[in-house]
Amino acid sequence: MYKTLGTHNYYVYILTNKIKTVLYIGFTNNMKERLYYHQHPEAFCKAFTTKYKCYNLVYWEHYQDVDIAIDRETQLKKWSRKKKDALITAFNPEWKFLNDEI
């Protein structure tokens, strides 16, 4: 368990590539910083997001409990593509890239 005192911010997020054919699910406690690293992959040349050019945020959830966020990330990673697509569409019907809104 990773329990800590106070209010914290944790995010589960989904990135996609430019043509929206690949999805990446991640977890972070700093969304702006994590998006920056995904968009500037020079140091992460072997990373999944670099290989498949998944830099575009299309979905995110906010949590204050790290354990719940980690469990949610694990759950989403097990979902079918169809179920993930439905989740994204319910949150972001046009699949707009949300990077600039964070």
N, C-alpha and C. Protein backbone atom coordinates (compact mmCIF):
# COMPACT_ATOMS: atom_id res chain seq x y z
N MET A 1 0.83 -1.19 0.00
CA MET A 1 0.00 0.00 0.00
C MET A 1 0.88 1.25 0.00
N TYR A 2 0.36 2.29 -0.64
CA TYR A 2 1.10 3.54 -0.79
C TYR A 2 0.41 4.68 -0.05
N LYS A 3 -0.29 4.39 1.00
CA LYS A 3 -1.08 5.40 1.69
C LYS A 3 -0.20 6.54 2.22
N THR A 4 -0.70 7.77 2.01
CA THR A 4 -0.03 8.95 2.53
C THR A 4 -1.10 9.86 3.12
N LEU A 5 -0.67 10.82 3.91
CA LEU A 5 -1.60 11.75 4.54
C LEU A 5 -1.82 12.96 3.63
N GLY A 6 -2.95 13.60 3.75
CA GLY A 6 -3.22 14.81 2.99
C GLY A 6 -3.88 14.53 1.65
N THR A 7 -4.13 15.61 0.93
CA THR A 7 -4.76 15.52 -0.37
C THR A 7 -3.69 15.42 -1.45
N HIS A 8 -3.87 14.47 -2.33
CA HIS A 8 -2.92 14.26 -3.42
C HIS A 8 -3.68 14.13 -4.72
N ASN A 9 -2.97 14.28 -5.79
CA ASN A 9 -3.57 14.18 -7.11
C ASN A 9 -2.90 13.06 -7.89
N TYR A 10 -3.72 12.15 -8.38
CA TYR A 10 -3.25 11.04 -9.20
C TYR A 10 -4.16 10.96 -10.41
N TYR A 11 -3.59 10.61 -11.52
CA TYR A 11 -4.34 10.58 -12.77
C TYR A 11 -4.12 9.26 -13.50
N VAL A 12 -5.19 8.74 -14.04
CA VAL A 12 -5.14 7.63 -14.98
C VAL A 12 -5.54 8.28 -16.30
N TYR A 13 -4.77 8.01 -17.34
CA TYR A 13 -4.99 8.72 -18.59
C TYR A 13 -4.81 7.79 -19.78
N ILE A 14 -5.38 8.22 -20.91
CA ILE A 14 -5.25 7.47 -22.15
C ILE A 14 -4.71 8.41 -23.22
N LEU A 15 -3.66 7.97 -23.87
CA LEU A 15 -3.09 8.67 -25.01
C LEU A 15 -3.35 7.88 -26.27
N THR A 16 -3.34 8.57 -27.40
CA THR A 16 -3.46 7.91 -28.68
C THR A 16 -2.50 8.56 -29.67
N ASN A 17 -2.34 7.91 -30.81
CA ASN A 17 -1.51 8.47 -31.86
C ASN A 17 -2.36 9.41 -32.73
N LYS A 18 -1.74 10.04 -33.70
CA LYS A 18 -2.41 11.05 -34.53
C LYS A 18 -3.64 10.52 -35.23
N ILE A 19 -3.58 9.27 -35.69
CA ILE A 19 -4.72 8.70 -36.43
C ILE A 19 -5.63 7.84 -35.54
N LYS A 20 -5.38 7.85 -34.24
CA LYS A 20 -6.24 7.24 -33.22
C LYS A 20 -6.39 5.73 -33.37
N THR A 21 -5.31 5.07 -33.77
CA THR A 21 -5.36 3.62 -33.93
C THR A 21 -4.71 2.86 -32.78
N VAL A 22 -3.91 3.55 -31.97
CA VAL A 22 -3.19 2.92 -30.86
C VAL A 22 -3.56 3.65 -29.57
N LEU A 23 -3.78 2.90 -28.50
CA LEU A 23 -4.07 3.49 -27.19
C LEU A 23 -2.97 3.13 -26.20
N TYR A 24 -2.65 4.07 -25.33
CA TYR A 24 -1.71 3.85 -24.23
C TYR A 24 -2.39 4.31 -22.96
N ILE A 25 -2.38 3.47 -21.93
CA ILE A 25 -2.96 3.82 -20.64
C ILE A 25 -1.84 3.99 -19.64
N GLY A 26 -1.89 5.11 -18.92
CA GLY A 26 -0.84 5.39 -17.95
C GLY A 26 -1.39 5.94 -16.65
N PHE A 27 -0.48 6.14 -15.71
CA PHE A 27 -0.77 6.63 -14.36
C PHE A 27 0.30 7.65 -14.02
N THR A 28 -0.09 8.75 -13.37
CA THR A 28 0.88 9.75 -12.95
C THR A 28 0.34 10.56 -11.79
N ASN A 29 1.23 11.25 -11.11
CA ASN A 29 0.81 12.20 -10.08
C ASN A 29 1.04 13.63 -10.55
N ASN A 30 1.53 13.79 -11.80
CA ASN A 30 1.75 15.12 -12.36
C ASN A 30 1.44 15.05 -13.86
N MET A 31 0.23 15.38 -14.22
CA MET A 31 -0.21 15.21 -15.61
C MET A 31 0.56 16.11 -16.57
N LYS A 32 0.77 17.37 -16.23
CA LYS A 32 1.49 18.28 -17.14
C LYS A 32 2.90 17.78 -17.42
N GLU A 33 3.58 17.37 -16.38
CA GLU A 33 4.95 16.89 -16.55
C GLU A 33 4.99 15.61 -17.37
N ARG A 34 4.08 14.70 -17.09
CA ARG A 34 4.06 13.44 -17.83
C ARG A 34 3.76 13.67 -19.30
N LEU A 35 2.81 14.56 -19.61
CA LEU A 35 2.52 14.86 -21.01
C LEU A 35 3.73 15.47 -21.70
N TYR A 36 4.46 16.31 -20.99
CA TYR A 36 5.68 16.89 -21.56
C TYR A 36 6.66 15.78 -21.95
N TYR A 37 6.86 14.83 -21.07
CA TYR A 37 7.80 13.74 -21.38
C TYR A 37 7.31 12.87 -22.54
N HIS A 38 6.02 12.65 -22.62
CA HIS A 38 5.49 11.89 -23.75
C HIS A 38 5.69 12.65 -25.07
N GLN A 39 5.55 13.98 -25.01
CA GLN A 39 5.67 14.79 -26.23
C GLN A 39 7.11 15.10 -26.61
N HIS A 40 8.06 14.85 -25.71
CA HIS A 40 9.48 15.07 -25.95
C HIS A 40 10.22 13.77 -25.64
N PRO A 41 10.09 12.78 -26.51
CA PRO A 41 10.54 11.41 -26.21
C PRO A 41 12.03 11.13 -26.42
N GLU A 42 12.83 12.16 -26.61
CA GLU A 42 14.24 11.94 -26.92
C GLU A 42 14.92 10.98 -25.95
N ALA A 43 14.61 11.10 -24.69
CA ALA A 43 15.25 10.26 -23.66
C ALA A 43 14.57 8.90 -23.51
N PHE A 44 13.45 8.71 -24.18
CA PHE A 44 12.68 7.49 -24.01
C PHE A 44 12.48 6.79 -25.36
N CYS A 45 13.51 6.67 -26.12
CA CYS A 45 13.39 6.21 -27.51
C CYS A 45 12.84 4.79 -27.63
N LYS A 46 12.93 3.98 -26.59
CA LYS A 46 12.40 2.62 -26.66
C LYS A 46 11.03 2.47 -26.01
N ALA A 47 10.49 3.56 -25.52
CA ALA A 47 9.20 3.53 -24.84
C ALA A 47 8.07 3.23 -25.83
N PHE A 48 7.02 2.59 -25.35
CA PHE A 48 5.84 2.27 -26.17
C PHE A 48 5.27 3.53 -26.83
N THR A 49 5.15 4.61 -26.04
CA THR A 49 4.55 5.82 -26.58
C THR A 49 5.40 6.44 -27.67
N THR A 50 6.70 6.28 -27.59
CA THR A 50 7.58 6.78 -28.64
C THR A 50 7.47 5.93 -29.89
N LYS A 51 7.53 4.62 -29.70
CA LYS A 51 7.46 3.70 -30.84
C LYS A 51 6.18 3.88 -31.64
N TYR A 52 5.07 4.07 -30.95
CA TYR A 52 3.77 4.16 -31.62
C TYR A 52 3.24 5.60 -31.71
N LYS A 53 4.07 6.57 -31.33
CA LYS A 53 3.73 7.99 -31.43
C LYS A 53 2.41 8.34 -30.72
N CYS A 54 2.26 7.82 -29.52
CA CYS A 54 1.09 8.10 -28.70
C CYS A 54 1.39 9.29 -27.80
N TYR A 55 1.08 10.48 -28.28
CA TYR A 55 1.37 11.70 -27.55
C TYR A 55 0.11 12.50 -27.22
N ASN A 56 -1.03 12.06 -27.70
CA ASN A 56 -2.25 12.86 -27.65
C ASN A 56 -3.22 12.36 -26.58
N LEU A 57 -3.48 13.22 -25.61
CA LEU A 57 -4.39 12.90 -24.50
C LEU A 57 -5.83 12.94 -24.98
N VAL A 58 -6.57 11.85 -24.77
CA VAL A 58 -7.99 11.81 -25.13
C VAL A 58 -8.90 11.49 -23.95
N TYR A 59 -8.30 11.10 -22.83
CA TYR A 59 -9.11 10.69 -21.68
C TYR A 59 -8.28 10.79 -20.41
N TRP A 60 -8.92 11.18 -19.30
CA TRP A 60 -8.25 11.14 -18.02
C TRP A 60 -9.26 11.07 -16.88
N GLU A 61 -8.80 10.52 -15.78
CA GLU A 61 -9.58 10.45 -14.53
C GLU A 61 -8.69 10.96 -13.41
N HIS A 62 -9.28 11.63 -12.46
CA HIS A 62 -8.54 12.18 -11.32
C HIS A 62 -8.90 11.41 -10.04
N TYR A 63 -7.89 11.13 -9.23
CA TYR A 63 -8.08 10.43 -7.96
C TYR A 63 -7.24 11.11 -6.88
N GLN A 64 -7.67 10.95 -5.64
CA GLN A 64 -6.87 11.44 -4.51
C GLN A 64 -6.24 10.28 -3.75
N ASP A 65 -6.63 9.07 -4.06
CA ASP A 65 -6.09 7.87 -3.41
C ASP A 65 -5.26 7.10 -4.42
N VAL A 66 -3.98 6.96 -4.16
CA VAL A 66 -3.06 6.32 -5.09
C VAL A 66 -3.43 4.87 -5.37
N ASP A 67 -3.88 4.15 -4.37
CA ASP A 67 -4.23 2.74 -4.55
C ASP A 67 -5.42 2.58 -5.50
N ILE A 68 -6.40 3.46 -5.36
CA ILE A 68 -7.57 3.40 -6.24
C ILE A 68 -7.14 3.72 -7.67
N ALA A 69 -6.28 4.71 -7.83
CA ALA A 69 -5.81 5.08 -9.17
C ALA A 69 -5.03 3.94 -9.82
N ILE A 70 -4.15 3.31 -9.08
CA ILE A 70 -3.37 2.19 -9.62
C ILE A 70 -4.28 1.02 -9.99
N ASP A 71 -5.26 0.74 -9.13
CA ASP A 71 -6.22 -0.33 -9.44
C ASP A 71 -7.01 -0.01 -10.71
N ARG A 72 -7.40 1.25 -10.87
CA ARG A 72 -8.15 1.65 -12.05
C ARG A 72 -7.30 1.51 -13.32
N GLU A 73 -6.05 1.93 -13.25
CA GLU A 73 -5.16 1.77 -14.40
C GLU A 73 -5.06 0.30 -14.80
N THR A 74 -4.87 -0.56 -13.81
CA THR A 74 -4.77 -2.00 -14.06
C THR A 74 -6.05 -2.53 -14.69
N GLN A 75 -7.19 -2.08 -14.17
CA GLN A 75 -8.48 -2.50 -14.71
C GLN A 75 -8.63 -2.10 -16.17
N LEU A 76 -8.34 -0.85 -16.49
CA LEU A 76 -8.50 -0.36 -17.86
C LEU A 76 -7.59 -1.08 -18.84
N LYS A 77 -6.40 -1.41 -18.41
CA LYS A 77 -5.46 -2.11 -19.29
C LYS A 77 -5.97 -3.49 -19.69
N LYS A 78 -6.84 -4.06 -18.88
CA LYS A 78 -7.39 -5.39 -19.17
C LYS A 78 -8.63 -5.33 -20.08
N TRP A 79 -9.18 -4.16 -20.28
CA TRP A 79 -10.39 -4.01 -21.07
C TRP A 79 -10.12 -4.25 -22.55
N SER A 80 -11.16 -4.63 -23.27
CA SER A 80 -11.08 -4.76 -24.72
C SER A 80 -10.97 -3.37 -25.35
N ARG A 81 -10.50 -3.34 -26.58
CA ARG A 81 -10.41 -2.06 -27.30
C ARG A 81 -11.80 -1.43 -27.44
N LYS A 82 -12.80 -2.24 -27.71
CA LYS A 82 -14.17 -1.74 -27.87
C LYS A 82 -14.65 -1.03 -26.60
N LYS A 83 -14.37 -1.62 -25.46
CA LYS A 83 -14.78 -1.03 -24.18
C LYS A 83 -14.01 0.25 -23.89
N LYS A 84 -12.72 0.27 -24.20
CA LYS A 84 -11.91 1.49 -24.03
C LYS A 84 -12.42 2.60 -24.93
N ASP A 85 -12.73 2.25 -26.19
CA ASP A 85 -13.26 3.25 -27.13
C ASP A 85 -14.55 3.86 -26.60
N ALA A 86 -15.43 3.04 -26.04
CA ALA A 86 -16.70 3.53 -25.49
C ALA A 86 -16.45 4.46 -24.31
N LEU A 87 -15.49 4.14 -23.46
CA LEU A 87 -15.16 4.98 -22.32
C LEU A 87 -14.66 6.35 -22.80
N ILE A 88 -13.77 6.34 -23.76
CA ILE A 88 -13.23 7.59 -24.30
C ILE A 88 -14.35 8.41 -24.94
N THR A 89 -15.18 7.76 -25.73
CA THR A 89 -16.27 8.46 -26.43
C THR A 89 -17.27 9.08 -25.46
N ALA A 90 -17.55 8.41 -24.35
CA ALA A 90 -18.47 8.97 -23.35
C ALA A 90 -17.87 10.22 -22.70
N PHE A 91 -16.57 10.24 -22.53
CA PHE A 91 -15.85 11.35 -21.90
C PHE A 91 -15.54 12.47 -22.91
N ASN A 92 -15.21 12.07 -24.11
CA ASN A 92 -14.69 12.99 -25.13
C ASN A 92 -15.25 12.53 -26.49
N PRO A 93 -16.52 12.85 -26.77
CA PRO A 93 -17.21 12.30 -27.95
C PRO A 93 -16.49 12.50 -29.28
N GLU A 94 -15.78 13.60 -29.43
CA GLU A 94 -15.09 13.87 -30.70
C GLU A 94 -13.63 13.39 -30.70
N TRP A 95 -13.22 12.79 -29.61
CA TRP A 95 -11.84 12.34 -29.45
C TRP A 95 -10.86 13.49 -29.71
N LYS A 96 -11.20 14.67 -29.19
CA LYS A 96 -10.31 15.83 -29.33
C LYS A 96 -9.04 15.57 -28.52
N PHE A 97 -7.94 16.11 -28.98
CA PHE A 97 -6.70 16.01 -28.23
C PHE A 97 -6.73 17.07 -27.13
N LEU A 98 -6.63 16.63 -25.88
CA LEU A 98 -6.85 17.47 -24.71
C LEU A 98 -5.58 18.00 -24.07
N ASN A 99 -4.43 17.77 -24.67
CA ASN A 99 -3.15 18.14 -24.08
C ASN A 99 -3.12 19.59 -23.62
N ASP A 100 -3.64 20.49 -24.42
CA ASP A 100 -3.58 21.91 -24.11
C ASP A 100 -4.57 22.33 -23.03
N GLU A 101 -5.46 21.43 -22.65
CA GLU A 101 -6.45 21.75 -21.62
C GLU A 101 -5.98 21.37 -20.22
N ILE A 102 -4.84 20.75 -20.13
CA ILE A 102 -4.31 20.33 -18.82
C ILE A 102 -3.42 21.40 -18.25
